[in-house]
Amino acid sequence: MLSRRRFLQLVASSIVALAARPKEVFASTGNIDGEQIQFTSEIAQELADKYIKGLLGYSYTPSDPIPFVDVDGSPLGYIVPVVTSNRAAGYLVLDASDDEILTGYRFGDGLVSPMDRGGDLGVESYSFNNPVVMINPFEFGVQSLDGSITTNCGRTIPAVSIEGRPVVLSNKPSSWNDVVIYATQMQDYTVSGFRSISQFMSYDESEIKRLTAHYACMVTAFSNVAELYGIANLYSDPSQYMQIWNYTNTHALSDEEQTVPGVVLGGTPISTCATGFTNYCASRGSNLIARTVSSPAIANIQNEINSNRPNVLHASLYNGSAHSVTAEAYATLTGKKTGETRQMIGIADGWNSSLSFLKYDQSYYAWTYGTTFSK
């Protein structure tokens, strides 16, 4: 738990330390040989440009990086917006506490960074004195005067429940001067592999709320699957959302957690979701069977996608929440100099209609589960 006063003290010490020479450096937790370089905003923009050129081409460029910190105020990295022809086109997340640095990206015409979208959700304005905080790979926010954080996903986290990831870093930085990456990571990257299911499907949160006046992330993820297998289409029959809701034992959240006027927010137990969705499919005349396993390996997720089958991934998000997404693609990025690879999972995150790519790293979460589907 971190009070706003303590958080700002840590941030202030970080700013003051910019003028001081670092006594020790912070790098990723793996054993990567090579020269270390300070991870400045300029370096972040240069590295982002290398990823962007490999992923999108030369007509796309990085914009000014947005620094973000851990919930204890420790500097971590940058969100780098992407533009083309002076129009927003997505963003990348570069986290120096991760060996691979690139931990997520999302591209699309007119798509802004998480924090620029956050302004529509009541997120506080960010600045170097009150920086963006990474709650987990999905969520970023800025602390309010009362110490709480409202995130880009519309969730408000009370100050009393704000806790950091239980990840031990080799040398946790106290200032941006301490944040470094390895020079070997400053290389061009190419997409050496990409697979996806034959049809992409992603209901977003605003659509679900408009169609049903309800929202639960797991029900939305299963609705994507129902659409992909031709079992239900919410646009033609929105009532199917509530059928999935009921079959999976989804329940309304407490009154304190009902934060959207006119919309019932719900949660779904992991223990009954697969059986409930299987029973729902049977009620629609489908023999689709759902199975849920703990801590699915990335190879298993990729194998399902290779077989043209989506996965529903469930993960705990620190600070008292969990989230379910539909995994529908994966990409392999390879460094042209070293041959190092980056494995990214493409997901429909339930909040947006475009595909988001995240590094599948279980250290970010307290637990993960995966639901697979077969006939």
Protein backbone atom coordinates (compact mmCIF):
# COMPACT_ATOMS: atom_id res chain seq x y z
CA MET A 1 0.00 0.00 0.00
CA LEU A 2 1.38 3.40 -0.97
CA SER A 3 0.09 6.80 0.09
CA ARG A 4 0.06 9.63 -2.40
CA ARG A 5 2.49 11.56 -0.18
CA ARG A 6 5.00 8.70 -0.18
CA PHE A 7 4.51 8.15 -3.91
CA LEU A 8 5.24 11.80 -4.69
CA GLN A 9 8.26 11.73 -2.36
CA LEU A 10 9.68 8.87 -4.39
CA VAL A 11 8.92 10.62 -7.66
CA ALA A 12 10.51 13.84 -6.36
CA SER A 13 13.66 11.98 -5.35
CA SER A 14 13.74 10.50 -8.82
CA ILE A 15 13.61 13.96 -10.40
CA VAL A 16 16.29 15.35 -8.10
CA ALA A 17 18.52 12.39 -8.87
CA LEU A 18 18.50 13.25 -12.57
CA ALA A 19 21.21 15.76 -11.80
CA ALA A 20 23.32 13.23 -9.95
CA ARG A 21 25.57 10.58 -11.41
CA PRO A 22 24.10 7.11 -10.83
CA LYS A 23 26.04 4.86 -8.47
CA GLU A 24 24.48 1.68 -9.82
CA VAL A 25 22.47 0.76 -12.87
CA PHE A 26 19.23 -1.07 -13.33
CA ALA A 27 18.97 -3.56 -16.13
CA SER A 28 16.77 -6.48 -17.04
CA THR A 29 16.81 -9.52 -14.82
CA GLY A 30 18.36 -11.93 -17.33
CA ASN A 31 21.97 -12.60 -18.29
CA ILE A 32 22.39 -10.54 -21.43
CA ASP A 33 25.98 -9.59 -22.17
CA GLY A 34 26.91 -6.21 -23.61
CA GLU A 35 27.28 -2.53 -23.00
CA GLN A 36 24.59 -0.77 -21.00
CA ILE A 37 23.10 2.53 -22.09
CA GLN A 38 20.84 4.91 -20.20
CA PHE A 39 17.20 4.46 -21.21
CA THR A 40 16.33 8.07 -21.95
CA SER A 41 13.28 9.36 -23.75
CA GLU A 42 15.41 9.80 -26.87
CA ILE A 43 16.64 6.21 -26.72
CA ALA A 44 13.09 4.98 -26.16
CA GLN A 45 11.95 6.86 -29.25
CA GLU A 46 14.83 5.45 -31.28
CA LEU A 47 14.13 1.89 -30.15
CA ALA A 48 10.41 2.32 -30.82
CA ASP A 49 11.24 3.46 -34.33
CA LYS A 50 13.14 0.22 -34.95
CA TYR A 51 10.15 -1.85 -33.86
CA ILE A 52 7.70 0.30 -35.80
CA LYS A 53 9.63 0.04 -39.06
CA GLY A 54 9.68 -3.77 -38.74
CA LEU A 55 6.03 -4.04 -37.76
CA LEU A 56 4.38 -1.31 -39.84
CA GLY A 57 6.80 0.12 -42.39
CA TYR A 58 8.53 3.42 -42.99
CA SER A 59 5.45 5.63 -43.22
CA TYR A 60 4.92 5.28 -39.44
CA THR A 61 6.94 7.14 -36.81
CA PRO A 62 7.11 7.32 -33.01
CA SER A 63 5.87 10.42 -31.21
CA ASP A 64 7.01 11.82 -27.85
CA PRO A 65 7.39 8.99 -25.30
CA ILE A 66 5.28 9.10 -22.13
CA PRO A 67 7.32 7.92 -19.09
CA PHE A 68 5.63 5.55 -16.65
CA VAL A 69 6.56 4.25 -13.20
CA ASP A 70 5.71 1.34 -10.93
CA VAL A 71 3.13 1.95 -8.20
CA ASP A 72 5.94 2.61 -5.71
CA GLY A 73 7.29 5.43 -7.90
CA SER A 74 10.22 3.47 -9.38
CA PRO A 75 10.86 4.41 -13.03
CA LEU A 76 10.07 1.62 -15.50
CA GLY A 77 9.81 2.77 -19.10
CA TYR A 78 7.78 4.57 -21.74
CA ILE A 79 4.52 4.41 -23.66
CA VAL A 80 5.43 5.53 -27.18
CA PRO A 81 2.58 6.80 -29.39
CA VAL A 82 2.73 6.00 -33.11
CA VAL A 83 1.63 8.40 -35.86
CA THR A 84 1.32 8.41 -39.63
CA SER A 85 0.52 11.48 -41.73
CA ASN A 86 -0.03 13.43 -38.48
CA ARG A 87 -2.71 10.97 -37.39
CA ALA A 88 -2.64 8.67 -34.36
CA ALA A 89 -1.94 5.06 -35.31
CA GLY A 90 -1.35 3.21 -32.02
CA TYR A 91 1.39 2.84 -29.44
CA LEU A 92 4.10 0.60 -27.98
CA VAL A 93 4.93 -0.13 -24.33
CA LEU A 94 8.66 -0.33 -23.54
CA ASP A 95 9.44 -1.59 -20.03
CA ALA A 96 13.11 -1.60 -19.01
CA SER A 97 12.41 -3.93 -16.08
CA ASP A 98 11.68 -6.68 -18.62
CA ASP A 99 14.47 -8.50 -20.44
CA GLU A 100 12.74 -8.03 -23.77
CA ILE A 101 11.69 -4.37 -23.15
CA LEU A 102 8.80 -4.51 -25.63
CA THR A 103 5.87 -5.73 -23.52
CA GLY A 104 2.93 -4.64 -25.66
CA TYR A 105 1.66 -2.79 -28.69
CA ARG A 106 -1.56 -1.93 -30.45
CA PHE A 107 -1.91 -0.39 -33.90
CA GLY A 108 -4.91 1.02 -35.73
CA ASP A 109 -6.10 4.08 -37.61
CA GLY A 110 -6.90 6.87 -35.16
CA LEU A 111 -5.87 4.74 -32.17
CA VAL A 112 -4.37 6.83 -29.36
CA SER A 113 -2.19 5.79 -26.43
CA PRO A 114 -3.79 4.43 -23.23
CA MET A 115 -3.27 7.70 -21.41
CA ASP A 116 -4.69 9.86 -24.18
CA ARG A 117 -7.77 7.64 -24.18
CA GLY A 118 -7.79 7.88 -20.41
CA GLY A 119 -8.85 11.52 -20.53
CA ASP A 120 -12.31 10.38 -21.58
CA LEU A 121 -12.52 8.20 -18.48
CA GLY A 122 -11.71 10.80 -15.85
CA VAL A 123 -8.00 9.97 -15.59
CA GLU A 124 -5.94 12.74 -14.01
CA SER A 125 -3.59 14.72 -16.25
CA TYR A 126 -0.09 13.26 -16.18
CA SER A 127 3.16 15.16 -15.91
CA PHE A 128 6.75 14.44 -14.95
CA ASN A 129 5.85 15.42 -11.39
CA ASN A 130 2.77 13.18 -11.38
CA PRO A 131 3.64 10.48 -13.89
CA VAL A 132 1.72 7.65 -15.44
CA VAL A 133 1.63 4.53 -13.25
CA MET A 134 1.60 1.01 -14.70
CA ILE A 135 -0.82 -1.13 -12.69
CA ASN A 136 -0.39 -4.16 -14.94
CA PRO A 137 0.22 -4.69 -18.68
CA PHE A 138 -3.41 -3.76 -19.44
CA GLU A 139 -3.82 -0.74 -17.21
CA PHE A 140 -2.16 2.61 -16.74
CA GLY A 141 -3.33 5.52 -14.61
CA VAL A 142 -2.38 8.64 -12.65
CA GLN A 143 -2.81 9.15 -8.91
CA SER A 144 -5.54 11.57 -7.83
CA LEU A 145 -5.31 13.91 -4.85
CA ASP A 146 -6.87 11.26 -2.60
CA GLY A 147 -4.21 8.74 -3.62
CA SER A 148 -6.53 6.59 -5.71
CA ILE A 149 -5.77 5.76 -9.33
CA THR A 150 -8.30 5.90 -12.17
CA THR A 151 -7.01 3.80 -15.06
CA ASN A 152 -7.39 3.93 -18.82
CA CYS A 153 -9.82 0.99 -18.46
CA GLY A 154 -12.19 3.09 -16.37
CA ARG A 155 -11.38 1.31 -13.12
CA THR A 156 -10.74 3.34 -9.94
CA ILE A 157 -8.36 1.70 -7.48
CA PRO A 158 -8.57 3.01 -3.89
CA ALA A 159 -5.31 4.14 -2.35
CA VAL A 160 -5.56 1.49 0.38
CA SER A 161 -5.40 -1.32 -2.19
CA ILE A 162 -2.58 -0.05 -4.39
CA GLU A 163 0.24 -2.58 -4.28
CA GLY A 164 3.10 -3.32 -6.64
CA ARG A 165 3.87 -6.44 -8.61
CA PRO A 166 5.54 -9.14 -6.49
CA VAL A 167 8.54 -9.21 -8.82
CA VAL A 168 12.04 -8.92 -7.39
CA LEU A 169 14.22 -6.81 -9.66
CA SER A 170 17.99 -7.11 -9.59
CA ASN A 171 18.54 -3.40 -8.95
CA LYS A 172 15.33 -1.46 -8.58
CA PRO A 173 15.93 2.08 -9.84
CA SER A 174 15.46 5.16 -7.70
CA SER A 175 15.88 7.61 -10.58
CA TRP A 176 15.68 7.70 -14.35
CA ASN A 177 19.48 7.89 -14.40
CA ASP A 178 19.48 4.33 -13.06
CA VAL A 179 17.31 2.94 -15.84
CA VAL A 180 19.42 1.29 -18.53
CA ILE A 181 19.07 -1.21 -21.33
CA TYR A 182 21.67 -3.20 -23.21
CA ALA A 183 23.13 -1.75 -26.40
CA THR A 184 22.48 -5.07 -28.18
CA GLN A 185 18.76 -4.40 -27.80
CA MET A 186 19.06 -1.32 -30.00
CA GLN A 187 18.68 -3.25 -33.22
CA ASP A 188 16.22 -3.49 -36.09
CA TYR A 189 13.46 -6.06 -35.75
CA THR A 190 11.44 -7.96 -38.31
CA VAL A 191 8.25 -10.01 -38.04
CA SER A 192 9.62 -13.50 -38.59
CA GLY A 193 6.39 -15.30 -37.81
CA PHE A 194 2.70 -14.52 -37.56
CA ARG A 195 -0.34 -16.75 -37.15
CA SER A 196 -3.94 -15.97 -36.43
CA ILE A 197 -7.29 -17.69 -36.48
CA SER A 198 -9.11 -17.31 -39.79
CA GLN A 199 -11.46 -14.58 -38.57
CA PHE A 200 -10.80 -11.91 -35.97
CA MET A 201 -13.61 -11.13 -33.53
CA SER A 202 -13.66 -8.50 -30.80
CA TYR A 203 -16.76 -7.08 -29.16
CA ASP A 204 -15.71 -3.97 -27.29
CA GLU A 205 -17.00 -2.72 -23.97
CA SER A 206 -19.03 0.18 -25.33
CA GLU A 207 -20.87 -2.10 -27.77
CA ILE A 208 -21.71 -4.63 -25.08
CA LYS A 209 -23.03 -1.94 -22.73
CA ARG A 210 -25.13 -0.42 -25.49
CA LEU A 211 -26.58 -3.77 -26.57
CA THR A 212 -27.19 -5.34 -23.16
CA ALA A 213 -26.81 -2.74 -20.36
CA HIS A 214 -24.49 -5.32 -18.74
CA TYR A 215 -20.76 -6.01 -18.86
CA ALA A 216 -18.52 -8.82 -17.65
CA CYS A 217 -15.16 -9.43 -19.29
CA MET A 218 -15.41 -13.23 -19.28
CA VAL A 219 -18.91 -13.19 -20.78
CA THR A 220 -17.57 -10.85 -23.48
CA ALA A 221 -14.65 -13.18 -24.20
CA PHE A 222 -17.00 -16.17 -24.49
CA SER A 223 -19.29 -14.08 -26.72
CA ASN A 224 -16.33 -13.64 -29.10
CA VAL A 225 -15.93 -17.42 -29.16
CA ALA A 226 -19.66 -17.98 -29.72
CA GLU A 227 -19.52 -15.60 -32.69
CA LEU A 228 -16.42 -17.30 -34.14
CA TYR A 229 -18.09 -20.73 -34.00
CA GLY A 230 -21.37 -19.46 -35.41
CA ILE A 231 -23.28 -20.11 -32.18
CA ALA A 232 -24.50 -16.58 -31.49
CA ASN A 233 -24.31 -13.06 -32.84
CA LEU A 234 -25.03 -10.29 -30.35
CA TYR A 235 -25.96 -7.75 -32.99
CA SER A 236 -28.84 -9.90 -34.21
CA ASP A 237 -29.72 -11.30 -30.77
CA PRO A 238 -28.28 -9.37 -27.80
CA SER A 239 -30.17 -11.65 -25.39
CA GLN A 240 -27.52 -14.31 -25.97
CA TYR A 241 -25.13 -12.26 -23.83
CA MET A 242 -27.39 -12.75 -20.83
CA GLN A 243 -27.75 -16.43 -21.68
CA ILE A 244 -23.96 -16.84 -21.45
CA TRP A 245 -24.03 -14.69 -18.30
CA ASN A 246 -26.52 -17.02 -16.63
CA TYR A 247 -25.01 -20.31 -17.79
CA THR A 248 -21.55 -19.30 -16.48
CA ASN A 249 -22.93 -18.22 -13.08
CA THR A 250 -21.88 -14.65 -13.63
CA HIS A 251 -23.07 -12.43 -10.79
CA ALA A 252 -23.56 -8.70 -10.38
CA LEU A 253 -20.72 -7.00 -8.53
CA SER A 254 -21.34 -5.29 -5.21
CA ASP A 255 -23.06 -1.92 -5.08
CA GLU A 256 -19.71 -0.24 -4.36
CA GLU A 257 -18.27 -1.75 -7.56
CA GLN A 258 -21.18 -0.63 -9.77
CA THR A 259 -19.46 2.43 -11.21
CA VAL A 260 -21.24 2.81 -14.55
CA PRO A 261 -24.73 4.39 -14.34
CA GLY A 262 -27.34 2.30 -16.11
CA VAL A 263 -25.01 -0.68 -16.60
CA VAL A 264 -24.75 -3.81 -14.43
CA LEU A 265 -21.13 -4.92 -14.04
CA GLY A 266 -20.51 -8.58 -13.32
CA GLY A 267 -17.89 -11.15 -12.37
CA THR A 268 -17.61 -14.80 -13.39
CA PRO A 269 -16.07 -17.61 -11.30
CA ILE A 270 -13.25 -19.52 -13.00
CA SER A 271 -14.47 -22.77 -11.44
CA THR A 272 -17.73 -22.88 -13.40
CA CYS A 273 -16.96 -20.97 -16.58
CA ALA A 274 -15.98 -23.89 -18.84
CA THR A 275 -18.85 -26.15 -17.82
CA GLY A 276 -21.29 -23.26 -18.02
CA PHE A 277 -20.17 -22.25 -21.51
CA THR A 278 -20.24 -25.88 -22.69
CA ASN A 279 -23.83 -26.16 -21.45
CA TYR A 280 -24.71 -22.90 -23.14
CA CYS A 281 -23.31 -24.18 -26.45
CA ALA A 282 -25.34 -27.39 -26.08
CA SER A 283 -28.50 -25.31 -25.55
CA ARG A 284 -27.79 -23.73 -28.93
CA GLY A 285 -27.34 -27.09 -30.65
CA SER A 286 -23.52 -26.96 -30.70
CA ASN A 287 -21.20 -29.72 -29.48
CA LEU A 288 -18.40 -27.26 -28.66
CA ILE A 289 -16.66 -28.25 -25.41
CA ALA A 290 -14.72 -25.80 -23.21
CA ARG A 291 -11.90 -26.88 -20.86
CA THR A 292 -9.97 -24.70 -18.42
CA VAL A 293 -6.40 -25.34 -17.26
CA SER A 294 -4.09 -23.50 -14.88
CA SER A 295 -1.01 -21.57 -16.06
CA PRO A 296 -1.13 -22.40 -19.79
CA ALA A 297 2.25 -22.26 -21.52
CA ILE A 298 2.74 -19.93 -24.46
CA ALA A 299 3.45 -22.94 -26.70
CA ASN A 300 0.01 -24.35 -25.88
CA ILE A 301 -1.65 -21.04 -26.68
CA GLN A 302 0.20 -20.90 -30.00
CA ASN A 303 -0.73 -24.50 -30.83
CA GLU A 304 -4.42 -23.69 -30.40
CA ILE A 305 -4.10 -20.69 -32.71
CA ASN A 306 -2.17 -22.83 -35.23
CA SER A 307 -5.20 -25.15 -35.21
CA ASN A 308 -7.52 -22.19 -35.88
CA ARG A 309 -8.96 -22.27 -32.38
CA PRO A 310 -9.20 -19.23 -30.08
CA ASN A 311 -8.21 -19.34 -26.41
CA VAL A 312 -9.81 -17.45 -23.57
CA LEU A 313 -7.08 -16.36 -21.15
CA HIS A 314 -7.86 -15.37 -17.56
CA ALA A 315 -5.39 -13.50 -15.36
CA SER A 316 -5.41 -11.83 -11.98
CA LEU A 317 -4.61 -8.15 -12.16
CA TYR A 318 -2.89 -6.91 -9.04
CA ASN A 319 -4.87 -4.44 -6.94
CA GLY A 320 -7.95 -6.56 -6.60
CA SER A 321 -9.23 -7.49 -10.02
CA ALA A 322 -9.02 -10.09 -12.76
CA HIS A 323 -9.56 -9.96 -16.49
CA SER A 324 -10.40 -12.36 -19.34
CA VAL A 325 -9.42 -11.89 -22.98
CA THR A 326 -9.69 -13.84 -26.22
CA ALA A 327 -6.32 -14.90 -27.71
CA GLU A 328 -6.65 -14.98 -31.48
CA ALA A 329 -3.14 -14.45 -32.90
CA TYR A 330 0.57 -14.41 -32.12
CA ALA A 331 3.63 -12.76 -33.62
CA THR A 332 7.34 -13.55 -33.44
CA LEU A 333 9.71 -10.60 -33.73
CA THR A 334 13.38 -11.29 -34.46
CA GLY A 335 16.36 -8.97 -33.98
CA LYS A 336 18.36 -8.63 -37.18
CA LYS A 337 21.72 -8.49 -35.39
CA THR A 338 21.43 -11.05 -32.61
CA GLY A 339 18.58 -13.25 -33.79
CA GLU A 340 16.83 -12.83 -30.43
CA THR A 341 13.10 -13.37 -30.64
CA ARG A 342 10.09 -11.73 -28.99
CA GLN A 343 6.88 -13.75 -28.65
CA MET A 344 3.71 -11.66 -28.53
CA ILE A 345 0.11 -12.85 -28.09
CA GLY A 346 -2.64 -11.03 -30.03
CA ILE A 347 -5.77 -10.56 -27.95
CA ALA A 348 -9.24 -9.10 -28.06
CA ASP A 349 -9.07 -7.43 -24.64
CA GLY A 350 -12.79 -6.79 -24.20
CA TRP A 351 -12.34 -3.03 -23.95
CA ASN A 352 -11.52 -2.19 -27.58
CA SER A 353 -12.38 -3.50 -31.02
CA SER A 354 -8.79 -3.70 -32.31
CA LEU A 355 -6.24 -6.41 -31.68
CA SER A 356 -3.69 -5.79 -28.91
CA PHE A 357 -0.38 -7.65 -28.62
CA LEU A 358 1.12 -8.41 -25.21
CA LYS A 359 4.10 -10.33 -24.00
CA TYR A 360 2.71 -13.38 -22.21
CA ASP A 361 4.65 -13.14 -18.95
CA GLN A 362 3.09 -14.85 -15.96
CA SER A 363 5.26 -12.89 -13.53
CA TYR A 364 2.93 -9.93 -14.08
CA TYR A 365 0.01 -11.84 -12.57
CA ALA A 366 -0.83 -13.71 -9.36
CA TRP A 367 -2.41 -16.50 -11.43
CA THR A 368 -3.38 -17.36 -15.00
CA TYR A 369 -5.84 -19.82 -16.53
CA GLY A 370 -6.66 -20.70 -20.08
CA THR A 371 -9.89 -22.04 -21.60
CA THR A 372 -9.58 -24.04 -24.83
CA PHE A 373 -12.32 -25.28 -27.15
CA SER A 374 -12.87 -28.47 -29.13
CA LYS A 375 -15.60 -30.46 -30.84
